[in-house]
Amino acid sequence: MMYLKFKIYIVLILGLTSVIKLHAQEFNVTIVVNASRLNSSIDRNTFTSLQTNLTDFIGGRKWAQETFASYEKLKITFFLNLEATKGPDVYSGNLSIVASRPVFNSTYYAPLINNSDQDIVFKYKNGAAIEFNEFNIKSGDPLTSNLPAIFAFWCNIILGTYYESFQANNGQSFYQKAQQIVNNAPIDPDIVGWASNNTNKSRYWILENILNPRYKVYHQFIYTYYRKGLDNLQSNSTEARKHILTSLDNLYLLNTEFSGIFIIPFIMQGKTEELGGIFKTATKDEKLKFIQLMERVDVVNINRYQTLIDQ
């Protein structure tokens, strides 16, 4: 089989915005590099080069074995927001990741991953290729190695989640690749996100939560919510809503047993409008059950859920 094909859209923000559309592999990917906060004395060709080489890096790699049909493609946006310089050719900022998956028998794309990776630091010299060797991640300068390691980590997390949204626990090979990246991540005093002593929202803890056998119902949520729920909304909305409630009940039980774990808000991020729309046409009993579950699963958005389903 051929490898995944991505269609890549690169947007570079340098005070002005330019858009380059390229056909590469089979994700539909938008990469946005925002350098508007950096000192105007920095050569803007550096970020044009970064844009081009990020394209080559993501589009030129073989991330999985299967070939995706056009109706199977994910949509992904990476927004790299550069906020400051920390030394010659060294930049700090954050990375927003938004990934969605097509829903069967519809034109709708459902939110899959919606997360912000904070405190990113990396080194990039104008014109340099972005290189990543999954078997030798620490090679060379750690600050130079950090950015491709971060992008590779998120590509594998997205693919792992995508695969198990069709078959329970089918994303393990991608999660293991992400684990290999974490275990061999670049080390530098300025680099964070890869270690257990970082914030519980870090890459380390997101993956730890995903792989932790105590949280195995998280994986059942992924499969039930997407495959049994969303993918069946067009053919049998009543049964689909029952499966979605079952999936949310899994998260409810997980939150009850392990209160405060980050994996729950991590996977719920970006689903508020989607769930509100689904249960807007539900029965009174379904709406009541839904609100009771969301009071534990996603309480910060409970008022929004109530407003959406009452419209």
Protein backbone atom coordinates (compact mmCIF):
# COMPACT_ATOMS: atom_id res chain seq x y z
CA MET A 1 0.00 0.00 0.00
CA MET A 2 1.06 3.57 -0.56
CA TYR A 3 1.60 5.84 2.43
CA LEU A 4 -0.81 8.49 3.68
CA LYS A 5 -1.14 11.46 1.38
CA PHE A 6 -1.47 14.93 2.88
CA LYS A 7 -2.86 17.98 1.16
CA ILE A 8 -0.96 20.82 2.84
CA TYR A 9 -1.96 24.45 3.11
CA ILE A 10 0.69 26.75 4.54
CA VAL A 11 -0.18 30.20 5.81
CA LEU A 12 2.69 32.43 6.88
CA ILE A 13 1.86 35.49 8.95
CA LEU A 14 4.62 38.08 8.94
CA GLY A 15 2.45 41.12 9.42
CA LEU A 16 1.05 40.24 5.96
CA THR A 17 -0.43 36.88 5.09
CA SER A 18 0.52 34.62 2.21
CA VAL A 19 -1.01 31.25 1.41
CA ILE A 20 0.72 28.41 -0.40
CA LYS A 21 -1.30 25.33 -1.36
CA LEU A 22 0.59 22.14 -2.03
CA HIS A 23 -0.44 18.57 -2.72
CA ALA A 24 1.61 16.08 -0.76
CA GLN A 25 0.28 13.27 1.40
CA GLU A 26 -3.21 12.38 2.41
CA PHE A 27 -3.94 14.45 5.52
CA ASN A 28 -5.57 17.77 4.62
CA VAL A 29 -3.19 19.95 6.63
CA THR A 30 -3.05 23.70 7.18
CA ILE A 31 0.14 25.06 8.74
CA VAL A 32 0.07 28.61 10.05
CA VAL A 33 3.30 30.29 11.18
CA ASN A 34 2.65 33.56 13.02
CA ALA A 35 5.78 35.68 13.46
CA SER A 36 4.03 39.02 13.83
CA ARG A 37 5.14 39.51 17.46
CA LEU A 38 8.83 39.11 16.72
CA ASN A 39 11.18 42.04 16.24
CA SER A 40 10.93 43.45 12.74
CA SER A 41 14.73 43.37 12.44
CA ILE A 42 14.64 39.57 12.08
CA ASP A 43 14.98 38.46 8.47
CA ARG A 44 11.47 37.41 7.40
CA ASN A 45 12.99 34.98 4.90
CA THR A 46 13.72 32.82 7.94
CA PHE A 47 10.01 32.17 8.44
CA THR A 48 9.41 31.64 4.74
CA SER A 49 12.12 29.00 4.95
CA LEU A 50 10.55 27.52 8.09
CA GLN A 51 7.21 27.37 6.29
CA THR A 52 8.66 25.58 3.28
CA ASN A 53 10.63 23.08 5.31
CA LEU A 54 7.76 22.26 7.65
CA THR A 55 5.81 21.47 4.49
CA ASP A 56 8.56 19.19 3.24
CA PHE A 57 8.85 17.50 6.64
CA ILE A 58 5.17 16.68 7.14
CA GLY A 59 4.33 16.06 3.52
CA GLY A 60 7.35 13.97 2.70
CA ARG A 61 7.19 11.39 5.48
CA LYS A 62 5.51 8.01 5.56
CA TRP A 63 3.35 8.21 8.69
CA ALA A 64 1.25 5.07 8.14
CA GLN A 65 0.99 2.11 5.80
CA GLU A 66 -2.56 2.51 4.50
CA THR A 67 -3.74 4.67 1.63
CA PHE A 68 -6.70 6.89 2.48
CA ALA A 69 -9.53 7.49 0.05
CA SER A 70 -10.59 11.11 -0.34
CA TYR A 71 -13.58 10.61 1.96
CA GLU A 72 -11.31 9.22 4.72
CA LYS A 73 -8.91 12.15 4.96
CA LEU A 74 -8.39 14.01 8.22
CA LYS A 75 -8.33 17.78 8.38
CA ILE A 76 -5.57 19.20 10.55
CA THR A 77 -4.45 22.72 11.39
CA PHE A 78 -1.14 23.46 13.09
CA PHE A 79 -0.86 27.09 14.25
CA LEU A 80 2.70 27.88 15.29
CA ASN A 81 2.65 31.17 17.16
CA LEU A 82 6.12 32.66 17.72
CA GLU A 83 6.21 35.04 20.66
CA ALA A 84 9.86 35.82 21.43
CA THR A 85 13.49 35.11 20.68
CA LYS A 86 15.67 33.48 23.33
CA GLY A 87 18.99 33.73 21.54
CA PRO A 88 20.45 33.61 18.03
CA ASP A 89 18.02 31.63 15.85
CA VAL A 90 16.14 30.42 18.95
CA TYR A 91 12.39 31.07 19.19
CA SER A 92 9.72 30.47 21.80
CA GLY A 93 5.96 30.26 21.43
CA ASN A 94 3.09 27.80 21.36
CA LEU A 95 1.48 25.38 18.95
CA SER A 96 -2.28 24.92 18.50
CA ILE A 97 -3.40 21.59 17.05
CA VAL A 98 -6.89 21.15 15.62
CA ALA A 99 -7.73 17.83 13.96
CA SER A 100 -11.10 16.57 12.71
CA ARG A 101 -12.28 13.37 11.14
CA PRO A 102 -14.92 12.79 8.45
CA VAL A 103 -18.26 11.38 9.63
CA PHE A 104 -19.66 8.50 7.62
CA ASN A 105 -22.33 9.27 5.03
CA SER A 106 -22.07 13.03 5.52
CA THR A 107 -19.94 16.04 4.63
CA TYR A 108 -19.39 16.83 8.31
CA TYR A 109 -15.98 16.70 10.01
CA ALA A 110 -16.08 15.94 13.73
CA PRO A 111 -13.51 17.41 16.15
CA LEU A 112 -10.93 14.80 17.08
CA ILE A 113 -8.08 16.68 18.79
CA ASN A 114 -8.16 20.35 19.80
CA ASN A 115 -5.22 21.26 21.99
CA SER A 116 -2.64 23.96 22.67
CA ASP A 117 0.96 22.88 23.26
CA GLN A 118 2.51 25.59 25.39
CA ASP A 119 6.09 26.74 26.02
CA ILE A 120 7.65 25.51 22.79
CA VAL A 121 11.29 26.44 22.28
CA PHE A 122 13.30 25.55 19.19
CA LYS A 123 16.23 26.61 17.06
CA TYR A 124 15.90 27.23 13.36
CA LYS A 125 18.48 28.70 10.98
CA ASN A 126 17.31 30.27 7.77
CA GLY A 127 17.43 27.72 4.96
CA ALA A 128 17.99 24.68 7.14
CA ALA A 129 16.09 21.49 6.37
CA ILE A 130 13.89 20.11 9.16
CA GLU A 131 15.14 16.62 9.88
CA PHE A 132 13.73 13.89 12.11
CA ASN A 133 15.04 10.39 12.73
CA GLU A 134 12.68 8.41 14.94
CA PHE A 135 15.53 6.02 15.80
CA ASN A 136 17.96 8.80 16.74
CA ILE A 137 15.86 11.70 17.97
CA LYS A 138 18.54 13.23 20.19
CA SER A 139 21.11 13.53 17.41
CA GLY A 140 22.62 16.97 16.91
CA ASP A 141 21.61 20.14 18.72
CA PRO A 142 18.64 19.52 21.09
CA LEU A 143 16.95 22.85 20.36
CA THR A 144 17.14 22.13 16.63
CA SER A 145 15.70 18.63 17.16
CA ASN A 146 12.83 19.82 19.36
CA LEU A 147 10.45 21.24 16.75
CA PRO A 148 10.34 18.19 14.43
CA ALA A 149 10.00 15.95 17.50
CA ILE A 150 6.95 17.95 18.62
CA PHE A 151 5.30 17.80 15.19
CA ALA A 152 6.01 14.07 14.88
CA PHE A 153 4.56 13.48 18.34
CA TRP A 154 1.29 15.20 17.44
CA CYS A 155 0.99 13.49 14.06
CA ASN A 156 1.17 10.13 15.84
CA ILE A 157 -1.30 11.14 18.58
CA ILE A 158 -3.76 12.30 15.92
CA LEU A 159 -3.39 9.14 13.85
CA GLY A 160 -3.70 6.92 16.92
CA THR A 161 -6.95 8.62 17.91
CA TYR A 162 -8.21 8.48 14.33
CA TYR A 163 -7.52 4.77 13.94
CA GLU A 164 -9.19 3.76 17.17
CA SER A 165 -12.23 5.86 16.31
CA PHE A 166 -12.94 3.09 13.76
CA GLN A 167 -11.78 0.08 15.77
CA ALA A 168 -11.32 -0.09 19.52
CA ASN A 169 -7.67 0.05 20.63
CA ASN A 170 -6.47 0.17 17.03
CA GLY A 171 -4.21 3.19 17.56
CA GLN A 172 -1.58 1.52 19.72
CA SER A 173 1.16 1.42 17.08
CA PHE A 174 0.98 5.20 16.71
CA TYR A 175 0.88 5.76 20.46
CA GLN A 176 3.99 3.57 20.79
CA LYS A 177 5.76 5.77 18.24
CA ALA A 178 4.74 8.81 20.31
CA GLN A 179 6.10 7.02 23.40
CA GLN A 180 9.41 6.47 21.65
CA ILE A 181 9.60 10.18 20.92
CA VAL A 182 8.88 11.05 24.57
CA ASN A 183 11.44 8.54 25.84
CA ASN A 184 14.15 9.91 23.54
CA ALA A 185 13.15 13.57 23.41
CA PRO A 186 15.78 16.32 23.18
CA ILE A 187 17.12 17.55 26.53
CA ASP A 188 17.97 21.18 27.24
CA PRO A 189 17.29 23.51 30.19
CA ASP A 190 14.90 25.55 28.01
CA ILE A 191 12.97 22.54 26.66
CA VAL A 192 9.78 21.50 28.49
CA GLY A 193 6.85 19.21 27.82
CA TRP A 194 8.63 15.87 27.60
CA ALA A 195 9.16 15.12 31.30
CA SER A 196 6.97 13.91 34.15
CA ASN A 197 7.82 16.97 36.25
CA ASN A 198 6.19 19.29 33.70
CA THR A 199 2.56 20.44 33.88
CA ASN A 200 -0.16 17.78 33.74
CA LYS A 201 -1.15 19.22 30.35
CA SER A 202 2.24 18.44 28.84
CA ARG A 203 2.97 15.97 26.05
CA TYR A 204 4.33 13.55 28.64
CA TRP A 205 1.13 13.46 30.67
CA ILE A 206 -1.22 13.43 27.70
CA LEU A 207 0.47 10.28 26.42
CA GLU A 208 0.72 8.80 29.91
CA ASN A 209 -3.03 9.18 30.31
CA ILE A 210 -3.68 7.65 26.88
CA LEU A 211 -1.51 4.59 27.61
CA ASN A 212 -2.41 4.16 31.29
CA PRO A 213 -4.34 0.86 31.63
CA ARG A 214 -6.36 2.30 34.52
CA TYR A 215 -7.96 4.68 32.01
CA LYS A 216 -8.84 2.03 29.42
CA VAL A 217 -12.46 3.20 29.16
CA TYR A 218 -11.07 6.32 27.47
CA HIS A 219 -10.39 4.16 24.41
CA GLN A 220 -13.88 2.70 24.56
CA PHE A 221 -15.21 6.26 24.57
CA ILE A 222 -13.30 7.07 21.37
CA TYR A 223 -14.64 4.05 19.51
CA THR A 224 -18.22 4.26 20.78
CA TYR A 225 -18.55 8.03 20.35
CA TYR A 226 -17.29 8.16 16.78
CA ARG A 227 -17.95 4.77 15.20
CA LYS A 228 -21.18 3.75 16.91
CA GLY A 229 -22.43 7.28 17.52
CA LEU A 230 -21.46 9.92 14.99
CA ASP A 231 -21.04 7.53 12.06
CA ASN A 232 -24.64 6.32 12.51
CA LEU A 233 -26.38 9.66 12.99
CA GLN A 234 -27.57 9.78 9.38
CA SER A 235 -28.96 6.24 9.30
CA ASN A 236 -30.44 5.96 12.81
CA SER A 237 -30.19 9.08 14.96
CA THR A 238 -32.01 7.52 17.91
CA GLU A 239 -29.59 4.61 18.21
CA ALA A 240 -26.66 6.92 17.54
CA ARG A 241 -27.64 9.20 20.45
CA LYS A 242 -27.91 6.15 22.73
CA HIS A 243 -24.35 5.16 21.84
CA ILE A 244 -23.12 8.71 22.37
CA LEU A 245 -24.73 8.76 25.81
CA THR A 246 -23.06 5.41 26.55
CA SER A 247 -19.70 6.84 25.52
CA LEU A 248 -20.20 9.91 27.72
CA ASP A 249 -21.17 7.62 30.57
CA ASN A 250 -17.76 5.97 30.16
CA LEU A 251 -16.10 9.35 30.69
CA TYR A 252 -18.43 10.02 33.63
CA LEU A 253 -17.26 6.79 35.30
CA LEU A 254 -13.64 7.59 34.50
CA ASN A 255 -13.97 11.05 36.04
CA THR A 256 -15.70 9.62 39.11
CA GLU A 257 -12.88 7.16 39.75
CA PHE A 258 -10.00 9.44 38.74
CA SER A 259 -11.16 12.98 39.31
CA GLY A 260 -9.12 15.71 37.67
CA ILE A 261 -7.20 13.72 35.07
CA PHE A 262 -6.39 15.86 32.04
CA ILE A 263 -7.32 13.29 29.39
CA ILE A 264 -11.04 14.08 29.85
CA PRO A 265 -10.91 17.84 29.08
CA PHE A 266 -8.28 17.01 26.45
CA ILE A 267 -10.65 14.81 24.44
CA MET A 268 -13.74 16.95 25.15
CA GLN A 269 -12.15 20.15 23.85
CA GLY A 270 -13.99 21.41 20.77
CA LYS A 271 -17.04 19.16 21.13
CA THR A 272 -19.46 21.60 22.80
CA GLU A 273 -21.24 22.84 19.68
CA GLU A 274 -21.28 19.36 18.16
CA LEU A 275 -22.91 17.73 21.17
CA GLY A 276 -25.34 20.60 21.64
CA GLY A 277 -26.49 20.18 18.04
CA ILE A 278 -26.89 16.42 18.43
CA PHE A 279 -29.06 16.63 21.54
CA LYS A 280 -31.07 19.63 20.43
CA THR A 281 -33.54 17.22 18.77
CA ALA A 282 -33.34 14.55 21.49
CA THR A 283 -36.18 13.44 23.71
CA LYS A 284 -36.77 15.06 27.09
CA ASP A 285 -35.30 12.04 28.89
CA GLU A 286 -32.24 12.02 26.63
CA LYS A 287 -31.65 15.72 27.25
CA LEU A 288 -31.92 15.22 31.00
CA LYS A 289 -29.45 12.32 30.91
CA PHE A 290 -27.11 14.32 28.70
CA ILE A 291 -27.04 17.33 31.04
CA GLN A 292 -26.51 15.09 34.08
CA LEU A 293 -23.49 13.54 32.39
CA MET A 294 -22.02 16.83 31.22
CA GLU A 295 -22.23 18.27 34.73
CA ARG A 296 -19.43 15.80 35.56
CA VAL A 297 -17.69 15.37 32.22
CA ASP A 298 -17.49 19.01 31.01
CA VAL A 299 -18.92 21.22 33.74
CA VAL A 300 -17.15 24.38 32.52
CA ASN A 301 -19.41 24.36 29.44
CA ILE A 302 -22.62 23.24 31.13
CA ASN A 303 -24.46 26.53 30.57
CA ARG A 304 -23.61 26.46 26.89
CA TYR A 305 -24.86 22.87 26.58
CA GLN A 306 -28.14 23.84 28.26
CA THR A 307 -28.58 26.82 25.93
CA LEU A 308 -27.86 24.77 22.80
CA ILE A 309 -30.27 21.93 23.52
CA ASP A 310 -33.06 24.34 24.56
CA GLN A 311 -32.95 26.36 21.33
